[in-house]
Amino acid sequence: DCVCLCVVDPGVGTERLPVAVLADGRWYVGPDNGLFALVVRRAAEVETFAISWRPSRLSDSFHGRDLFAPVAAMLACGRRPQMREIEPSSLERASWPDDLPRIVYIDGYGNAVTGLRARTVDRQRIFTIGGHRCRFHRTFGEAAAGEVFWYRNSNDLVEIAQSGGSAARALGLELGTPLEGQ
């Protein structure tokens, strides 16, 4: 089985539930803090569980090590720790969007990743970002030298790039910069 151990847990030690999600044949283990909201929303088949199992020693601030990692290991070995089924809707965050048309990450080359799924976007679409219009190119090699464009990155997200340069520097992009579409 594929098991993803996911621990982004600023609420460690609080009353948030430790959960396991079986979504489309993959296990996800971690805290119920919204981390799995989109996994649950997008899965064709989903089962959700509150983890009841506890180790003999559970620290207040290392649940990733003490609770989530052992549960993920059990699931990877084909064993199910003590869990109770919960409603998938309890993990969703209705106010969270499926897509976020803003810059969410800028890599060391100045490429700007958005939170917009590329498969949902027509390749004829022209985006405006930082005052510049960006057309789609499948690869960097298809774009003219110095051209700012958008492409579908390896994570299926719309990414803004500049052929031979830094899109972030050229357009003054930063985290949160909006992507406007036409």
Protein backbone atom coordinates (compact mmCIF):
# COMPACT_ATOMS: atom_id res chain seq x y z
CA ASP A 1 0.00 0.00 0.00
CA CYS A 2 1.05 3.60 -0.59
CA VAL A 3 1.16 5.51 2.68
CA CYS A 4 1.77 9.26 2.89
CA LEU A 5 2.86 10.54 6.29
CA CYS A 6 1.83 14.21 6.36
CA VAL A 7 2.76 16.31 9.36
CA VAL A 8 2.26 20.05 9.23
CA ASP A 9 0.97 20.44 12.73
CA PRO A 10 1.07 23.83 14.45
CA GLY A 11 -1.74 22.52 16.69
CA VAL A 12 0.30 19.61 18.05
CA GLY A 13 -0.78 18.75 21.57
CA THR A 14 -4.22 20.35 21.19
CA GLU A 15 -7.60 18.69 20.79
CA ARG A 16 -7.33 18.29 17.00
CA LEU A 17 -7.89 14.69 15.90
CA PRO A 18 -5.17 12.42 14.59
CA VAL A 19 -6.62 10.96 11.39
CA ALA A 20 -6.04 8.44 8.64
CA VAL A 21 -7.62 8.84 5.21
CA LEU A 22 -7.88 6.10 2.60
CA ALA A 23 -8.38 7.99 -0.66
CA ASP A 24 -8.36 6.22 -4.01
CA GLY A 25 -6.24 3.40 -2.61
CA ARG A 26 -3.68 5.60 -0.84
CA TRP A 27 -3.36 6.16 2.89
CA TYR A 28 -2.75 9.63 4.33
CA VAL A 29 -1.85 9.91 8.02
CA GLY A 30 -1.63 13.13 10.02
CA PRO A 31 -3.54 15.77 11.98
CA ASP A 32 -7.06 16.97 11.23
CA ASN A 33 -6.15 20.60 10.68
CA GLY A 34 -7.25 20.99 7.07
CA LEU A 35 -4.24 19.18 5.63
CA PHE A 36 -6.44 16.53 4.00
CA ALA A 37 -9.41 18.71 3.01
CA LEU A 38 -8.60 18.71 -0.72
CA VAL A 39 -7.62 15.03 -0.67
CA VAL A 40 -11.06 14.17 0.70
CA ARG A 41 -12.85 16.58 -1.66
CA ARG A 42 -11.13 15.28 -4.81
CA ALA A 43 -11.09 11.53 -4.09
CA ALA A 44 -13.45 9.27 -6.02
CA GLU A 45 -13.42 6.74 -3.16
CA VAL A 46 -12.66 7.85 0.39
CA GLU A 47 -12.82 6.45 3.91
CA THR A 48 -11.82 8.55 6.90
CA PHE A 49 -10.81 7.47 10.38
CA ALA A 50 -9.97 9.01 13.73
CA ILE A 51 -6.89 7.24 15.08
CA SER A 52 -7.61 5.80 18.54
CA TRP A 53 -4.29 3.96 18.91
CA ARG A 54 -1.78 5.63 21.20
CA PRO A 55 1.81 4.65 21.92
CA SER A 56 2.85 3.88 25.48
CA ARG A 57 4.74 7.22 25.51
CA LEU A 58 3.32 10.21 23.66
CA SER A 59 5.13 13.51 23.95
CA ASP A 60 3.19 16.76 23.93
CA SER A 61 5.02 18.17 20.91
CA PHE A 62 6.31 15.27 18.77
CA HIS A 63 3.18 13.57 17.46
CA GLY A 64 4.79 13.14 14.04
CA ARG A 65 7.44 10.88 15.58
CA ASP A 66 5.42 9.29 18.40
CA LEU A 67 1.96 8.84 16.88
CA PHE A 68 1.75 9.45 13.13
CA ALA A 69 4.95 7.67 12.01
CA PRO A 70 4.13 4.42 13.88
CA VAL A 71 0.57 4.46 12.48
CA ALA A 72 1.90 5.02 8.95
CA ALA A 73 4.36 2.13 9.43
CA MET A 74 1.56 -0.18 10.61
CA LEU A 75 -0.56 0.69 7.58
CA ALA A 76 2.43 0.20 5.24
CA CYS A 77 2.88 -3.29 6.74
CA GLY A 78 -0.78 -4.12 6.12
CA ARG A 79 -1.87 -3.78 9.75
CA ARG A 80 -4.63 -1.46 10.87
CA PRO A 81 -4.11 0.28 14.18
CA GLN A 82 -7.12 0.98 16.36
CA MET A 83 -9.25 3.53 14.47
CA ARG A 84 -12.91 4.51 14.29
CA GLU A 85 -14.60 5.58 11.09
CA ILE A 86 -15.67 9.23 10.84
CA GLU A 87 -17.58 11.15 8.19
CA PRO A 88 -15.39 12.44 5.35
CA SER A 89 -17.21 15.78 5.54
CA SER A 90 -15.74 16.32 9.02
CA LEU A 91 -12.30 16.81 7.39
CA GLU A 92 -13.41 19.22 4.69
CA ARG A 93 -13.06 22.97 4.88
CA ALA A 94 -15.93 24.38 2.83
CA SER A 95 -14.45 27.85 2.67
CA TRP A 96 -11.17 26.61 1.17
CA PRO A 97 -10.98 26.95 -2.62
CA ASP A 98 -10.10 24.09 -4.97
CA ASP A 99 -7.70 26.41 -6.75
CA LEU A 100 -5.78 29.50 -5.72
CA PRO A 101 -4.88 31.84 -8.60
CA ARG A 102 -1.96 33.41 -6.71
CA ILE A 103 1.76 32.80 -6.41
CA VAL A 104 2.31 30.19 -3.68
CA TYR A 105 6.00 29.43 -4.20
CA ILE A 106 9.00 30.94 -5.99
CA ASP A 107 11.91 28.62 -6.70
CA GLY A 108 15.59 29.48 -6.81
CA TYR A 109 15.41 30.20 -10.56
CA GLY A 110 12.62 32.74 -10.19
CA ASN A 111 9.86 30.48 -11.51
CA ALA A 112 6.58 31.28 -9.78
CA VAL A 113 4.25 28.41 -8.91
CA THR A 114 0.55 29.16 -8.52
CA GLY A 115 -2.15 27.24 -6.68
CA LEU A 116 -4.10 26.79 -9.93
CA ARG A 117 -4.43 23.28 -11.37
CA ALA A 118 -3.23 23.40 -14.98
CA ARG A 119 -5.55 20.62 -16.15
CA THR A 120 -8.50 22.93 -15.45
CA VAL A 121 -7.10 25.71 -17.67
CA ASP A 122 -7.50 26.00 -21.45
CA ARG A 123 -4.08 26.32 -23.05
CA GLN A 124 -5.35 29.27 -25.10
CA ARG A 125 -5.86 31.25 -21.92
CA ILE A 126 -3.73 34.35 -21.46
CA PHE A 127 -2.92 35.31 -17.88
CA THR A 128 -1.90 38.72 -16.63
CA ILE A 129 0.53 38.88 -13.75
CA GLY A 130 2.73 41.72 -12.61
CA GLY A 131 1.28 43.82 -15.44
CA HIS A 132 2.44 41.39 -18.14
CA ARG A 133 0.45 39.06 -20.35
CA CYS A 134 1.56 35.42 -20.33
CA ARG A 135 0.73 32.87 -22.99
CA PHE A 136 1.04 29.11 -22.66
CA HIS A 137 4.12 27.22 -23.83
CA ARG A 138 4.55 23.50 -23.32
CA THR A 139 8.29 23.79 -22.64
CA PHE A 140 10.94 26.45 -22.01
CA GLY A 141 12.35 25.67 -25.47
CA GLU A 142 9.11 26.75 -27.13
CA ALA A 143 9.34 30.24 -25.60
CA ALA A 144 11.48 32.97 -27.13
CA ALA A 145 14.55 34.06 -25.15
CA GLY A 146 13.44 36.44 -22.38
CA GLU A 147 9.72 35.68 -22.90
CA VAL A 148 7.56 35.34 -19.79
CA PHE A 149 5.03 32.53 -20.20
CA TRP A 150 3.00 29.96 -18.28
CA TYR A 151 3.27 26.20 -18.44
CA ARG A 152 1.98 23.07 -16.72
CA ASN A 153 4.63 22.06 -14.17
CA SER A 154 5.36 18.53 -12.98
CA ASN A 155 2.81 18.90 -10.16
CA ASP A 156 0.04 19.90 -12.61
CA LEU A 157 0.10 23.51 -11.45
CA VAL A 158 0.24 26.66 -13.55
CA GLU A 159 3.77 28.03 -13.26
CA ILE A 160 5.03 31.39 -14.51
CA ALA A 161 8.53 31.36 -15.97
CA GLN A 162 10.87 33.42 -18.10
CA SER A 163 12.90 31.70 -20.78
CA GLY A 164 16.53 32.24 -19.80
CA GLY A 165 15.68 34.45 -16.84
CA SER A 166 13.82 34.95 -13.58
CA ALA A 167 10.10 35.65 -13.93
CA ALA A 168 9.98 36.74 -10.28
CA ARG A 169 12.68 39.35 -10.82
CA ALA A 170 11.43 40.49 -14.24
CA LEU A 171 7.84 41.00 -13.03
CA GLY A 172 8.45 41.85 -9.37
CA LEU A 173 6.54 38.77 -8.22
CA GLU A 174 6.23 37.71 -4.60
CA LEU A 175 4.17 35.22 -2.63
CA GLY A 176 0.51 36.11 -2.91
CA THR A 177 0.76 38.01 -6.22
CA PRO A 178 -2.57 37.42 -8.00
CA LEU A 179 -2.86 35.73 -11.38
CA GLU A 180 -5.57 37.32 -13.49
CA GLY A 181 -7.08 35.47 -16.44
CA GLN A 182 -8.70 36.50 -19.69
